[in-house]
């Protein structure tokens, strides 16, 4: 199971250079920053699951947002970008199954709220 699904956020490593008064005396310093993202889980209640109509609506809604949105099955077997209609349908998510929705970049707070509302109204 990936660290993301275990509730931990992945770390990115950045290097900074600090000069200690002498030309050419740069010493690399390593620091870690947490990659922040929003995510939520949702259990599909649509009687047919994620089929053509709701997948099309989801792709259209996701394309209108400035974040990268990924849908992952709870068992981790499949995931797809929310903007890809055929990939969403290919996941084969049925009623009663749980998915994790991950929102990265852009206005994550507003986009996460919009996606949660979409899922409640359409799936």
PDB file of N, CA and C in Angstrom:
ATOM      1  N   UNK A   1       0.846  -1.164   0.000  1.00  0.00           N
ATOM      2  CA  UNK A   1       0.000   0.000   0.000  1.00  0.00           C
ATOM      3  C   UNK A   1       0.904   1.243   0.000  1.00  0.00           C
ATOM      4  N   UNK A   2       0.564   2.195  -0.810  1.00  0.00           N
ATOM      5  CA  UNK A   2       1.394   3.400  -0.908  1.00  0.00           C
ATOM      6  C   UNK A   2       1.238   4.273   0.335  1.00  0.00           C
ATOM      7  N   UNK A   3       2.241   5.103   0.632  1.00  0.00           N
ATOM      8  CA  UNK A   3       2.147   5.998   1.785  1.00  0.00           C
ATOM      9  C   UNK A   3       0.953   6.931   1.692  1.00  0.00           C
ATOM     10  N   UNK A   4       0.550   7.303   0.471  1.00  0.00           N
ATOM     11  CA  UNK A   4      -0.580   8.207   0.304  1.00  0.00           C
ATOM     12  C   UNK A   4      -1.860   7.562   0.812  1.00  0.00           C
ATOM     13  N   UNK A   5      -2.072   6.276   0.483  1.00  0.00           N
ATOM     14  CA  UNK A   5      -3.272   5.587   0.923  1.00  0.00           C
ATOM     15  C   UNK A   5      -3.228   5.267   2.411  1.00  0.00           C
ATOM     16  N   UNK A   6      -2.063   5.284   3.008  1.00  0.00           N
ATOM     17  CA  UNK A   6      -1.949   5.034   4.437  1.00  0.00           C
ATOM     18  C   UNK A   6      -2.161   6.313   5.237  1.00  0.00           C
ATOM     19  N   UNK A   7      -2.446   7.433   4.565  1.00  0.00           N
ATOM     20  CA  UNK A   7      -2.723   8.678   5.256  1.00  0.00           C
ATOM     21  C   UNK A   7      -1.507   9.560   5.443  1.00  0.00           C
ATOM     22  N   UNK A   8      -0.334   9.118   4.965  1.00  0.00           N
ATOM     23  CA  UNK A   8       0.847   9.957   5.057  1.00  0.00           C
ATOM     24  C   UNK A   8       1.045  10.663   3.732  1.00  0.00           C
ATOM     25  N   UNK A   9       1.602  11.857   3.782  1.00  0.00           N
ATOM     26  CA  UNK A   9       1.838  12.619   2.576  1.00  0.00           C
ATOM     27  C   UNK A   9       3.253  12.362   2.078  1.00  0.00           C
ATOM     28  N   UNK A  10       3.423  12.236   0.751  1.00  0.00           N
ATOM     29  CA  UNK A  10       4.769  12.035   0.228  1.00  0.00           C
ATOM     30  C   UNK A  10       5.623  13.292   0.429  1.00  0.00           C
ATOM     31  N   UNK A  11       6.908  13.094   0.552  1.00  0.00           N
ATOM     32  CA  UNK A  11       7.824  14.205   0.752  1.00  0.00           C
ATOM     33  C   UNK A  11       8.577  14.489  -0.532  1.00  0.00           C
ATOM     34  N   UNK A  12       8.833  15.733  -0.788  1.00  0.00           N
ATOM     35  CA  UNK A  12       9.679  16.133  -1.906  1.00  0.00           C
ATOM     36  C   UNK A  12      10.970  16.661  -1.314  1.00  0.00           C
ATOM     37  N   UNK A  13      12.068  16.410  -1.985  1.00  0.00           N
ATOM     38  CA  UNK A  13      13.359  16.872  -1.501  1.00  0.00           C
ATOM     39  C   UNK A  13      13.821  18.037  -2.356  1.00  0.00           C
ATOM     40  N   UNK A  14      14.236  19.109  -1.716  1.00  0.00           N
ATOM     41  CA  UNK A  14      14.772  20.277  -2.384  1.00  0.00           C
ATOM     42  C   UNK A  14      16.174  20.523  -1.849  1.00  0.00           C
ATOM     43  N   UNK A  15      17.033  21.065  -2.665  1.00  0.00           N
ATOM     44  CA  UNK A  15      18.378  21.400  -2.232  1.00  0.00           C
ATOM     45  C   UNK A  15      18.554  22.910  -2.286  1.00  0.00           C
ATOM     46  N   UNK A  16      19.177  23.456  -1.277  1.00  0.00           N
ATOM     47  CA  UNK A  16      19.484  24.881  -1.261  1.00  0.00           C
ATOM     48  C   UNK A  16      20.988  25.028  -1.147  1.00  0.00           C
ATOM     49  N   UNK A  17      21.518  26.094  -1.664  1.00  0.00           N
ATOM     50  CA  UNK A  17      22.939  26.377  -1.608  1.00  0.00           C
ATOM     51  C   UNK A  17      23.139  27.616  -0.753  1.00  0.00           C
ATOM     52  N   UNK A  18      24.007  27.511   0.224  1.00  0.00           N
ATOM     53  CA  UNK A  18      24.337  28.687   1.029  1.00  0.00           C
ATOM     54  C   UNK A  18      25.832  28.949   0.887  1.00  0.00           C
ATOM     55  N   UNK A  19      26.193  30.202   0.753  1.00  0.00           N
ATOM     56  CA  UNK A  19      27.586  30.588   0.568  1.00  0.00           C
ATOM     57  C   UNK A  19      28.124  31.085   1.903  1.00  0.00           C
ATOM     58  N   UNK A  20      29.265  30.550   2.305  1.00  0.00           N
ATOM     59  CA  UNK A  20      29.855  30.861   3.602  1.00  0.00           C
ATOM     60  C   UNK A  20      30.983  31.881   3.491  1.00  0.00           C
ATOM     61  N   UNK A  21      30.756  32.977   2.811  1.00  0.00           N
ATOM     62  CA  UNK A  21      31.720  34.075   2.777  1.00  0.00           C
ATOM     63  C   UNK A  21      32.859  33.926   1.787  1.00  0.00           C
ATOM     64  N   UNK A  22      33.147  32.734   1.319  1.00  0.00           N
ATOM     65  CA  UNK A  22      34.263  32.527   0.397  1.00  0.00           C
ATOM     66  C   UNK A  22      33.736  32.183  -0.990  1.00  0.00           C
ATOM     67  N   UNK A  23      34.379  32.749  -2.015  1.00  0.00           N
ATOM     68  CA  UNK A  23      33.944  32.391  -3.368  1.00  0.00           C
ATOM     69  C   UNK A  23      34.128  30.890  -3.599  1.00  0.00           C
ATOM     70  N   UNK A  24      33.119  30.270  -4.148  1.00  0.00           N
ATOM     71  CA  UNK A  24      33.203  28.844  -4.452  1.00  0.00           C
ATOM     72  C   UNK A  24      33.011  27.950  -3.239  1.00  0.00           C
ATOM     73  N   UNK A  25      32.635  28.485  -2.095  1.00  0.00           N
ATOM     74  CA  UNK A  25      32.484  27.684  -0.883  1.00  0.00           C
ATOM     75  C   UNK A  25      31.022  27.340  -0.636  1.00  0.00           C
ATOM     76  N   UNK A  26      30.321  26.939  -1.667  1.00  0.00           N
ATOM     77  CA  UNK A  26      28.904  26.595  -1.533  1.00  0.00           C
ATOM     78  C   UNK A  26      28.767  25.216  -0.897  1.00  0.00           C
ATOM     79  N   UNK A  27      27.891  25.121   0.088  1.00  0.00           N
ATOM     80  CA  UNK A  27      27.654  23.864   0.783  1.00  0.00           C
ATOM     81  C   UNK A  27      26.187  23.491   0.577  1.00  0.00           C
ATOM     82  N   UNK A  28      25.930  22.347  -0.046  1.00  0.00           N
ATOM     83  CA  UNK A  28      24.533  21.969  -0.241  1.00  0.00           C
ATOM     84  C   UNK A  28      23.886  21.592   1.084  1.00  0.00           C
ATOM     85  N   UNK A  29      22.662  22.057   1.291  1.00  0.00           N
ATOM     86  CA  UNK A  29      21.893  21.714   2.473  1.00  0.00           C
ATOM     87  C   UNK A  29      20.601  21.070   2.015  1.00  0.00           C
ATOM     88  N   UNK A  30      20.239  19.993   2.640  1.00  0.00           N
ATOM     89  CA  UNK A  30      19.052  19.258   2.251  1.00  0.00           C
ATOM     90  C   UNK A  30      17.902  19.615   3.191  1.00  0.00           C
ATOM     91  N   UNK A  31      16.727  19.921   2.631  1.00  0.00           N
ATOM     92  CA  UNK A  31      15.542  20.171   3.440  1.00  0.00           C
ATOM     93  C   UNK A  31      14.378  19.444   2.796  1.00  0.00           C
ATOM     94  N   UNK A  32      13.418  19.070   3.573  1.00  0.00           N
ATOM     95  CA  UNK A  32      12.248  18.354   3.059  1.00  0.00           C
ATOM     96  C   UNK A  32      11.015  19.200   3.287  1.00  0.00           C
ATOM     97  N   UNK A  33      10.131  19.189   2.307  1.00  0.00           N
ATOM     98  CA  UNK A  33       8.872  19.901   2.414  1.00  0.00           C
ATOM     99  C   UNK A  33       7.748  18.916   2.146  1.00  0.00           C
ATOM    100  N   UNK A  34       6.666  19.073   2.830  1.00  0.00           N
ATOM    101  CA  UNK A  34       5.519  18.198   2.664  1.00  0.00           C
ATOM    102  C   UNK A  34       4.697  18.681   1.471  1.00  0.00           C
ATOM    103  N   UNK A  35       4.349  17.752   0.596  1.00  0.00           N
ATOM    104  CA  UNK A  35       3.483  18.050  -0.536  1.00  0.00           C
ATOM    105  C   UNK A  35       2.044  17.993  -0.032  1.00  0.00           C
ATOM    106  N   UNK A  36       1.369  19.119   0.002  1.00  0.00           N
ATOM    107  CA  UNK A  36       0.019  19.208   0.543  1.00  0.00           C
ATOM    108  C   UNK A  36      -0.988  18.918  -0.558  1.00  0.00           C
ATOM    109  N   UNK A  37      -2.006  18.167  -0.242  1.00  0.00           N
ATOM    110  CA  UNK A  37      -3.093  17.886  -1.176  1.00  0.00           C
ATOM    111  C   UNK A  37      -4.345  17.607  -0.371  1.00  0.00           C
ATOM    112  N   UNK A  38      -5.462  17.670  -1.017  1.00  0.00           N
ATOM    113  CA  UNK A  38      -6.742  17.365  -0.378  1.00  0.00           C
ATOM    114  C   UNK A  38      -7.224  16.030  -0.923  1.00  0.00           C
ATOM    115  N   UNK A  39      -7.872  15.264  -0.069  1.00  0.00           N
ATOM    116  CA  UNK A  39      -8.497  14.040  -0.542  1.00  0.00           C
ATOM    117  C   UNK A  39      -9.658  13.667   0.360  1.00  0.00           C
ATOM    118  N   UNK A  40     -10.587  12.911  -0.214  1.00  0.00           N
ATOM    119  CA  UNK A  40     -11.718  12.412   0.547  1.00  0.00           C
ATOM    120  C   UNK A  40     -12.135  11.072  -0.039  1.00  0.00           C
ATOM    121  N   UNK A  41     -12.856  10.296   0.742  1.00  0.00           N
ATOM    122  CA  UNK A  41     -13.372   9.022   0.244  1.00  0.00           C
ATOM    123  C   UNK A  41     -14.879   9.140   0.089  1.00  0.00           C
ATOM    124  N   UNK A  42     -15.409   8.363  -0.843  1.00  0.00           N
ATOM    125  CA  UNK A  42     -16.841   8.408  -1.105  1.00  0.00           C
ATOM    126  C   UNK A  42     -17.297   7.011  -1.520  1.00  0.00           C
ATOM    127  N   UNK A  43     -18.419   6.571  -0.990  1.00  0.00           N
ATOM    128  CA  UNK A  43     -19.004   5.288  -1.371  1.00  0.00           C
ATOM    129  C   UNK A  43     -20.068   5.548  -2.430  1.00  0.00           C
ATOM    130  N   UNK A  44     -19.917   4.909  -3.569  1.00  0.00           N
ATOM    131  CA  UNK A  44     -20.802   5.132  -4.723  1.00  0.00           C
ATOM    132  C   UNK A  44     -22.198   4.588  -4.413  1.00  0.00           C
ATOM    133  N   UNK A  45     -23.212   5.436  -4.594  1.00  0.00           N
ATOM    134  CA  UNK A  45     -24.597   5.032  -4.325  1.00  0.00           C
ATOM    135  C   UNK A  45     -25.436   4.931  -5.600  1.00  0.00           C
ATOM    136  N   UNK A  46     -24.904   5.364  -6.739  1.00  0.00           N
ATOM    137  CA  UNK A  46     -25.626   5.237  -8.006  1.00  0.00           C
ATOM    138  C   UNK A  46     -25.865   3.744  -8.254  1.00  0.00           C
ATOM    139  N   UNK A  47     -27.091   3.341  -8.619  1.00  0.00           N
ATOM    140  CA  UNK A  47     -27.400   1.917  -8.782  1.00  0.00           C
ATOM    141  C   UNK A  47     -26.534   1.187  -9.818  1.00  0.00           C
ATOM    142  N   UNK A  48     -25.987   1.902 -10.776  1.00  0.00           N
ATOM    143  CA  UNK A  48     -25.183   1.271 -11.816  1.00  0.00           C
ATOM    144  C   UNK A  48     -23.687   1.535 -11.618  1.00  0.00           C
ATOM    145  N   UNK A  49     -23.323   2.384 -10.672  1.00  0.00           N
ATOM    146  CA  UNK A  49     -21.916   2.709 -10.450  1.00  0.00           C
ATOM    147  C   UNK A  49     -21.492   3.885 -11.332  1.00  0.00           C
ATOM    148  N   UNK A  50     -20.197   3.968 -11.599  1.00  0.00           N
ATOM    149  CA  UNK A  50     -19.708   5.044 -12.474  1.00  0.00           C
ATOM    150  C   UNK A  50     -19.811   4.546 -13.911  1.00  0.00           C
ATOM    151  N   UNK A  51     -20.904   4.885 -14.570  1.00  0.00           N
ATOM    152  CA  UNK A  51     -21.147   4.509 -15.958  1.00  0.00           C
ATOM    153  C   UNK A  51     -21.060   5.763 -16.827  1.00  0.00           C
ATOM    154  N   UNK A  52     -21.493   5.690 -18.065  1.00  0.00           N
ATOM    155  CA  UNK A  52     -21.269   6.754 -19.048  1.00  0.00           C
ATOM    156  C   UNK A  52     -21.780   8.132 -18.623  1.00  0.00           C
ATOM    157  N   UNK A  53     -23.029   8.207 -18.171  1.00  0.00           N
ATOM    158  CA  UNK A  53     -23.584   9.521 -17.846  1.00  0.00           C
ATOM    159  C   UNK A  53     -22.850  10.201 -16.700  1.00  0.00           C
ATOM    160  N   UNK A  54     -22.730   9.570 -15.522  1.00  0.00           N
ATOM    161  CA  UNK A  54     -22.024  10.269 -14.446  1.00  0.00           C
ATOM    162  C   UNK A  54     -20.530  10.446 -14.723  1.00  0.00           C
ATOM    163  N   UNK A  55     -19.928   9.521 -15.452  1.00  0.00           N
ATOM    164  CA  UNK A  55     -18.502   9.672 -15.791  1.00  0.00           C
ATOM    165  C   UNK A  55     -18.311  10.886 -16.697  1.00  0.00           C
ATOM    166  N   UNK A  56     -19.228  11.084 -17.643  1.00  0.00           N
ATOM    167  CA  UNK A  56     -19.159  12.247 -18.521  1.00  0.00           C
ATOM    168  C   UNK A  56     -19.344  13.550 -17.758  1.00  0.00           C
ATOM    169  N   UNK A  57     -20.296  13.554 -16.839  1.00  0.00           N
ATOM    170  CA  UNK A  57     -20.508  14.741 -16.013  1.00  0.00           C
ATOM    171  C   UNK A  57     -19.298  15.021 -15.126  1.00  0.00           C
ATOM    172  N   UNK A  58     -18.701  13.955 -14.570  1.00  0.00           N
ATOM    173  CA  UNK A  58     -17.521  14.111 -13.722  1.00  0.00           C
ATOM    174  C   UNK A  58     -16.348  14.672 -14.509  1.00  0.00           C
ATOM    175  N   UNK A  59     -16.120  14.135 -15.701  1.00  0.00           N
ATOM    176  CA  UNK A  59     -15.018  14.626 -16.537  1.00  0.00           C
ATOM    177  C   UNK A  59     -15.219  16.095 -16.893  1.00  0.00           C
ATOM    178  N   UNK A  60     -16.448  16.453 -17.220  1.00  0.00           N
ATOM    179  CA  UNK A  60     -16.742  17.843 -17.563  1.00  0.00           C
ATOM    180  C   UNK A  60     -16.527  18.764 -16.365  1.00  0.00           C
ATOM    181  N   UNK A  61     -16.976  18.339 -15.189  1.00  0.00           N
ATOM    182  CA  UNK A  61     -16.801  19.147 -13.975  1.00  0.00           C
ATOM    183  C   UNK A  61     -15.318  19.285 -13.619  1.00  0.00           C
ATOM    184  N   UNK A  62     -14.567  18.196 -13.746  1.00  0.00           N
ATOM    185  CA  UNK A  62     -13.139  18.218 -13.397  1.00  0.00           C
ATOM    186  C   UNK A  62     -12.342  19.102 -14.349  1.00  0.00           C
ATOM    187  N   UNK A  63     -12.728  19.130 -15.620  1.00  0.00           N
ATOM    188  CA  UNK A  63     -12.025  19.973 -16.598  1.00  0.00           C
ATOM    189  C   UNK A  63     -12.210  21.450 -16.298  1.00  0.00           C
ATOM    190  N   UNK A  64     -13.282  21.797 -15.613  1.00  0.00           N
ATOM    191  CA  UNK A  64     -13.552  23.190 -15.280  1.00  0.00           C
ATOM    192  C   UNK A  64     -12.802  23.681 -14.042  1.00  0.00           C
ATOM    193  N   UNK A  65     -12.056  22.800 -13.379  1.00  0.00           N
ATOM    194  CA  UNK A  65     -11.323  23.171 -12.168  1.00  0.00           C
ATOM    195  C   UNK A  65      -9.834  23.301 -12.466  1.00  0.00           C
ATOM    196  N   UNK A  66      -9.134  24.063 -11.628  1.00  0.00           N
ATOM    197  CA  UNK A  66      -7.710  24.298 -11.871  1.00  0.00           C
ATOM    198  C   UNK A  66      -6.803  23.353 -11.082  1.00  0.00           C
ATOM    199  N   UNK A  67      -7.332  22.227 -10.629  1.00  0.00           N
ATOM    200  CA  UNK A  67      -6.549  21.226  -9.902  1.00  0.00           C
ATOM    201  C   UNK A  67      -6.468  19.940 -10.712  1.00  0.00           C
ATOM    202  N   UNK A  68      -5.496  19.103 -10.368  1.00  0.00           N
ATOM    203  CA  UNK A  68      -5.409  17.761 -10.927  1.00  0.00           C
ATOM    204  C   UNK A  68      -6.197  16.852  -9.996  1.00  0.00           C
ATOM    205  N   UNK A  69      -7.202  16.175 -10.538  1.00  0.00           N
ATOM    206  CA  UNK A  69      -8.085  15.352  -9.717  1.00  0.00           C
ATOM    207  C   UNK A  69      -7.939  13.902 -10.159  1.00  0.00           C
ATOM    208  N   UNK A  70      -7.676  13.028  -9.183  1.00  0.00           N
ATOM    209  CA  UNK A  70      -7.484  11.617  -9.454  1.00  0.00           C
ATOM    210  C   UNK A  70      -8.476  10.810  -8.631  1.00  0.00           C
ATOM    211  N   UNK A  71      -9.088   9.799  -9.277  1.00  0.00           N
ATOM    212  CA  UNK A  71     -10.022   8.900  -8.612  1.00  0.00           C
ATOM    213  C   UNK A  71      -9.325   7.546  -8.487  1.00  0.00           C
ATOM    214  N   UNK A  72      -9.320   6.968  -7.278  1.00  0.00           N
ATOM    215  CA  UNK A  72      -8.674   5.680  -7.033  1.00  0.00           C
ATOM    216  C   UNK A  72      -9.641   4.756  -6.322  1.00  0.00           C
ATOM    217  N   UNK A  73      -9.736   3.502  -6.784  1.00  0.00           N
ATOM    218  CA  UNK A  73     -10.565   2.523  -6.085  1.00  0.00           C
ATOM    219  C   UNK A  73      -9.969   2.260  -4.715  1.00  0.00           C
ATOM    220  N   UNK A  74     -10.808   1.962  -3.740  1.00  0.00           N
ATOM    221  CA  UNK A  74     -10.364   1.773  -2.358  1.00  0.00           C
ATOM    222  C   UNK A  74      -9.336   0.651  -2.233  1.00  0.00           C
ATOM    223  N   UNK A  75      -9.451  -0.373  -3.060  1.00  0.00           N
ATOM    224  CA  UNK A  75      -8.486  -1.471  -2.979  1.00  0.00           C
ATOM    225  C   UNK A  75      -7.169  -1.133  -3.683  1.00  0.00           C
ATOM    226  N   UNK A  76      -7.114   0.044  -4.308  1.00  0.00           N
ATOM    227  CA  UNK A  76      -5.885   0.501  -4.958  1.00  0.00           C
ATOM    228  C   UNK A  76      -5.601  -0.158  -6.291  1.00  0.00           C
ATOM    229  N   UNK A  77      -6.539  -0.960  -6.790  1.00  0.00           N
ATOM    230  CA  UNK A  77      -6.287  -1.703  -8.027  1.00  0.00           C
ATOM    231  C   UNK A  77      -6.286  -0.823  -9.270  1.00  0.00           C
ATOM    232  N   UNK A  78      -7.081   0.242  -9.271  1.00  0.00           N
ATOM    233  CA  UNK A  78      -7.160   1.106 -10.455  1.00  0.00           C
ATOM    234  C   UNK A  78      -7.316   2.555 -10.037  1.00  0.00           C
ATOM    235  N   UNK A  79      -6.772   3.452 -10.871  1.00  0.00           N
ATOM    236  CA  UNK A  79      -6.980   4.879 -10.669  1.00  0.00           C
ATOM    237  C   UNK A  79      -7.022   5.552 -12.030  1.00  0.00           C
ATOM    238  N   UNK A  80      -7.612   6.739 -12.065  1.00  0.00           N
ATOM    239  CA  UNK A  80      -7.743   7.472 -13.316  1.00  0.00           C
ATOM    240  C   UNK A  80      -7.853   8.959 -13.041  1.00  0.00           C
ATOM    241  N   UNK A  81      -7.390   9.744 -13.993  1.00  0.00           N
ATOM    242  CA  UNK A  81      -7.589  11.191 -13.933  1.00  0.00           C
ATOM    243  C   UNK A  81      -9.080  11.447 -14.132  1.00  0.00           C
ATOM    244  N   UNK A  82      -9.626  12.338 -13.333  1.00  0.00           N
ATOM    245  CA  UNK A  82     -11.066  12.616 -13.400  1.00  0.00           C
ATOM    246  C   UNK A  82     -11.475  13.255 -14.714  1.00  0.00           C
ATOM    247  N   UNK A  83     -10.536  13.770 -15.481  1.00  0.00           N
ATOM    248  CA  UNK A  83     -10.854  14.409 -16.765  1.00  0.00           C
ATOM    249  C   UNK A  83     -10.921  13.406 -17.913  1.00  0.00           C
ATOM    250  N   UNK A  84     -10.602  12.150 -17.664  1.00  0.00           N
ATOM    251  CA  UNK A  84     -10.544  11.128 -18.720  1.00  0.00           C
ATOM    252  C   UNK A  84     -11.765  10.219 -18.656  1.00  0.00           C
ATOM    253  N   UNK A  85     -12.740  10.470 -19.517  1.00  0.00           N
ATOM    254  CA  UNK A  85     -14.014   9.754 -19.520  1.00  0.00           C
ATOM    255  C   UNK A  85     -13.827   8.238 -19.637  1.00  0.00           C
ATOM    256  N   UNK A  86     -13.091   7.786 -20.628  1.00  0.00           N
ATOM    257  CA  UNK A  86     -12.938   6.350 -20.863  1.00  0.00           C
ATOM    258  C   UNK A  86     -12.170   5.671 -19.726  1.00  0.00           C
ATOM    259  N   UNK A  87     -11.201   6.363 -19.161  1.00  0.00           N
ATOM    260  CA  UNK A  87     -10.442   5.801 -18.040  1.00  0.00           C
ATOM    261  C   UNK A  87     -11.342   5.644 -16.815  1.00  0.00           C
ATOM    262  N   UNK A  88     -12.221   6.609 -16.581  1.00  0.00           N
ATOM    263  CA  UNK A  88     -13.162   6.518 -15.464  1.00  0.00           C
ATOM    264  C   UNK A  88     -14.096   5.323 -15.639  1.00  0.00           C
ATOM    265  N   UNK A  89     -14.639   5.158 -16.828  1.00  0.00           N
ATOM    266  CA  UNK A  89     -15.531   4.039 -17.093  1.00  0.00           C
ATOM    267  C   UNK A  89     -14.776   2.713 -17.010  1.00  0.00           C
ATOM    268  N   UNK A  90     -13.519   2.714 -17.438  1.00  0.00           N
ATOM    269  CA  UNK A  90     -12.700   1.508 -17.417  1.00  0.00           C
ATOM    270  C   UNK A  90     -12.332   1.031 -16.024  1.00  0.00           C
ATOM    271  N   UNK A  91     -12.487   1.891 -15.038  1.00  0.00           N
ATOM    272  CA  UNK A  91     -12.195   1.484 -13.660  1.00  0.00           C
ATOM    273  C   UNK A  91     -13.201   0.446 -13.162  1.00  0.00           C
ATOM    274  N   UNK A  92     -14.400   0.444 -13.726  1.00  0.00           N
ATOM    275  CA  UNK A  92     -15.409  -0.536 -13.344  1.00  0.00           C
ATOM    276  C   UNK A  92     -15.906  -0.378 -11.921  1.00  0.00           C
ATOM    277  N   UNK A  93     -16.105   0.854 -11.481  1.00  0.00           N
ATOM    278  CA  UNK A  93     -16.580   1.094 -10.115  1.00  0.00           C
ATOM    279  C   UNK A  93     -18.082   0.830 -10.060  1.00  0.00           C
ATOM    280  N   UNK A  94     -18.481  -0.072  -9.160  1.00  0.00           N
ATOM    281  CA  UNK A  94     -19.882  -0.463  -9.010  1.00  0.00           C
ATOM    282  C   UNK A  94     -20.492   0.187  -7.772  1.00  0.00           C
ATOM    283  N   UNK A  95     -21.802   0.105  -7.674  1.00  0.00           N
ATOM    284  CA  UNK A  95     -22.490   0.646  -6.505  1.00  0.00           C
ATOM    285  C   UNK A  95     -21.994  -0.042  -5.228  1.00  0.00           C
ATOM    286  N   UNK A  96     -21.831   0.731  -4.176  1.00  0.00           N
ATOM    287  CA  UNK A  96     -21.347   0.198  -2.907  1.00  0.00           C
ATOM    288  C   UNK A  96     -19.831   0.210  -2.762  1.00  0.00           C
ATOM    289  N   UNK A  97     -19.099   0.422  -3.847  1.00  0.00           N
ATOM    290  CA  UNK A  97     -17.638   0.480  -3.762  1.00  0.00           C
ATOM    291  C   UNK A  97     -17.204   1.877  -3.327  1.00  0.00           C
ATOM    292  N   UNK A  98     -16.057   1.939  -2.669  1.00  0.00           N
ATOM    293  CA  UNK A  98     -15.530   3.201  -2.175  1.00  0.00           C
ATOM    294  C   UNK A  98     -14.371   3.652  -3.048  1.00  0.00           C
ATOM    295  N   UNK A  99     -14.345   4.952  -3.341  1.00  0.00           N
ATOM    296  CA  UNK A  99     -13.244   5.542  -4.106  1.00  0.00           C
ATOM    297  C   UNK A  99     -12.611   6.654  -3.274  1.00  0.00           C
ATOM    298  N   UNK A 100     -11.345   6.916  -3.553  1.00  0.00           N
ATOM    299  CA  UNK A 100     -10.640   8.035  -2.936  1.00  0.00           C
ATOM    300  C   UNK A 100     -10.430   9.077  -4.017  1.00  0.00           C
ATOM    301  N   UNK A 101     -10.799  10.307  -3.724  1.00  0.00           N
ATOM    302  CA  UNK A 101     -10.660  11.417  -4.657  1.00  0.00           C
ATOM    303  C   UNK A 101      -9.525  12.296  -4.138  1.00  0.00           C
ATOM    304  N   UNK A 102      -8.505  12.505  -4.971  1.00  0.00           N
ATOM    305  CA  UNK A 102      -7.345  13.305  -4.588  1.00  0.00           C
ATOM    306  C   UNK A 102      -7.314  14.566  -5.435  1.00  0.00           C
ATOM    307  N   UNK A 103      -7.153  15.717  -4.787  1.00  0.00           N
ATOM    308  CA  UNK A 103      -7.121  17.015  -5.462  1.00  0.00           C
ATOM    309  C   UNK A 103      -5.764  17.638  -5.190  1.00  0.00           C
ATOM    310  N   UNK A 104      -5.010  17.933  -6.270  1.00  0.00           N
ATOM    311  CA  UNK A 104      -3.675  18.516  -6.127  1.00  0.00           C
ATOM    312  C   UNK A 104      -3.558  19.783  -6.959  1.00  0.00           C
ATOM    313  N   UNK A 105      -2.965  20.809  -6.367  1.00  0.00           N
ATOM    314  CA  UNK A 105      -2.695  22.047  -7.092  1.00  0.00           C
ATOM    315  C   UNK A 105      -3.911  22.946  -7.193  1.00  0.00           C
ATOM    316  N   UNK A 106      -3.667  24.168  -7.630  1.00  0.00           N
ATOM    317  CA  UNK A 106      -4.750  25.136  -7.783  1.00  0.00           C
ATOM    318  C   UNK A 106      -5.377  25.484  -6.448  1.00  0.00           C
ATOM    319  N   UNK A 107      -6.628  25.834  -6.471  1.00  0.00           N
ATOM    320  CA  UNK A 107      -7.370  26.161  -5.255  1.00  0.00           C
ATOM    321  C   UNK A 107      -7.965  24.867  -4.696  1.00  0.00           C
ATOM    322  N   UNK A 108      -7.148  24.118  -3.952  1.00  0.00           N
ATOM    323  CA  UNK A 108      -7.541  22.790  -3.486  1.00  0.00           C
ATOM    324  C   UNK A 108      -8.773  22.813  -2.587  1.00  0.00           C
ATOM    325  N   UNK A 109      -8.869  23.804  -1.709  1.00  0.00           N
ATOM    326  CA  UNK A 109     -10.009  23.880  -0.790  1.00  0.00           C
ATOM    327  C   UNK A 109     -11.329  23.972  -1.558  1.00  0.00           C
ATOM    328  N   UNK A 110     -11.420  24.935  -2.452  1.00  0.00           N
ATOM    329  CA  UNK A 110     -12.653  25.145  -3.217  1.00  0.00           C
ATOM    330  C   UNK A 110     -12.934  23.976  -4.154  1.00  0.00           C
ATOM    331  N   UNK A 111     -11.889  23.450  -4.793  1.00  0.00           N
ATOM    332  CA  UNK A 111     -12.080  22.347  -5.730  1.00  0.00           C
ATOM    333  C   UNK A 111     -12.486  21.062  -5.014  1.00  0.00           C
ATOM    334  N   UNK A 112     -11.940  20.827  -3.824  1.00  0.00           N
ATOM    335  CA  UNK A 112     -12.338  19.654  -3.040  1.00  0.00           C
ATOM    336  C   UNK A 112     -13.806  19.762  -2.644  1.00  0.00           C
ATOM    337  N   UNK A 113     -14.228  20.946  -2.228  1.00  0.00           N
ATOM    338  CA  UNK A 113     -15.636  21.159  -1.858  1.00  0.00           C
ATOM    339  C   UNK A 113     -16.545  20.947  -3.071  1.00  0.00           C
ATOM    340  N   UNK A 114     -16.121  21.436  -4.224  1.00  0.00           N
ATOM    341  CA  UNK A 114     -16.919  21.269  -5.450  1.00  0.00           C
ATOM    342  C   UNK A 114     -17.027  19.799  -5.837  1.00  0.00           C
ATOM    343  N   UNK A 115     -15.940  19.051  -5.712  1.00  0.00           N
ATOM    344  CA  UNK A 115     -15.959  17.630  -6.049  1.00  0.00           C
ATOM    345  C   UNK A 115     -16.819  16.839  -5.059  1.00  0.00           C
ATOM    346  N   UNK A 116     -16.726  17.159  -3.777  1.00  0.00           N
ATOM    347  CA  UNK A 116     -17.564  16.467  -2.787  1.00  0.00           C
ATOM    348  C   UNK A 116     -19.042  16.696  -3.082  1.00  0.00           C
ATOM    349  N   UNK A 117     -19.390  17.936  -3.408  1.00  0.00           N
ATOM    350  CA  UNK A 117     -20.778  18.253  -3.741  1.00  0.00           C
ATOM    351  C   UNK A 117     -21.201  17.497  -4.999  1.00  0.00           C
ATOM    352  N   UNK A 118     -20.333  17.442  -6.009  1.00  0.00           N
ATOM    353  CA  UNK A 118     -20.647  16.725  -7.237  1.00  0.00           C
ATOM    354  C   UNK A 118     -20.931  15.255  -6.937  1.00  0.00           C
ATOM    355  N   UNK A 119     -20.060  14.617  -6.163  1.00  0.00           N
ATOM    356  CA  UNK A 119     -20.232  13.205  -5.850  1.00  0.00           C
ATOM    357  C   UNK A 119     -21.547  12.965  -5.097  1.00  0.00           C
ATOM    358  N   UNK A 120     -21.880  13.825  -4.149  1.00  0.00           N
ATOM    359  CA  UNK A 120     -23.110  13.658  -3.396  1.00  0.00           C
ATOM    360  C   UNK A 120     -24.341  13.804  -4.273  1.00  0.00           C
ATOM    361  N   UNK A 121     -24.289  14.699  -5.243  1.00  0.00           N
ATOM    362  CA  UNK A 121     -25.446  14.955  -6.105  1.00  0.00           C
ATOM    363  C   UNK A 121     -25.570  13.967  -7.260  1.00  0.00           C
ATOM    364  N   UNK A 122     -24.462  13.399  -7.737  1.00  0.00           N
ATOM    365  CA  UNK A 122     -24.493  12.612  -8.964  1.00  0.00           C
ATOM    366  C   UNK A 122     -24.084  11.148  -8.821  1.00  0.00           C
ATOM    367  N   UNK A 123     -23.393  10.795  -7.765  1.00  0.00           N
ATOM    368  CA  UNK A 123     -22.916   9.416  -7.637  1.00  0.00           C
ATOM    369  C   UNK A 123     -23.325   8.828  -6.304  1.00  0.00           C
TER     370      UNK A 123
END
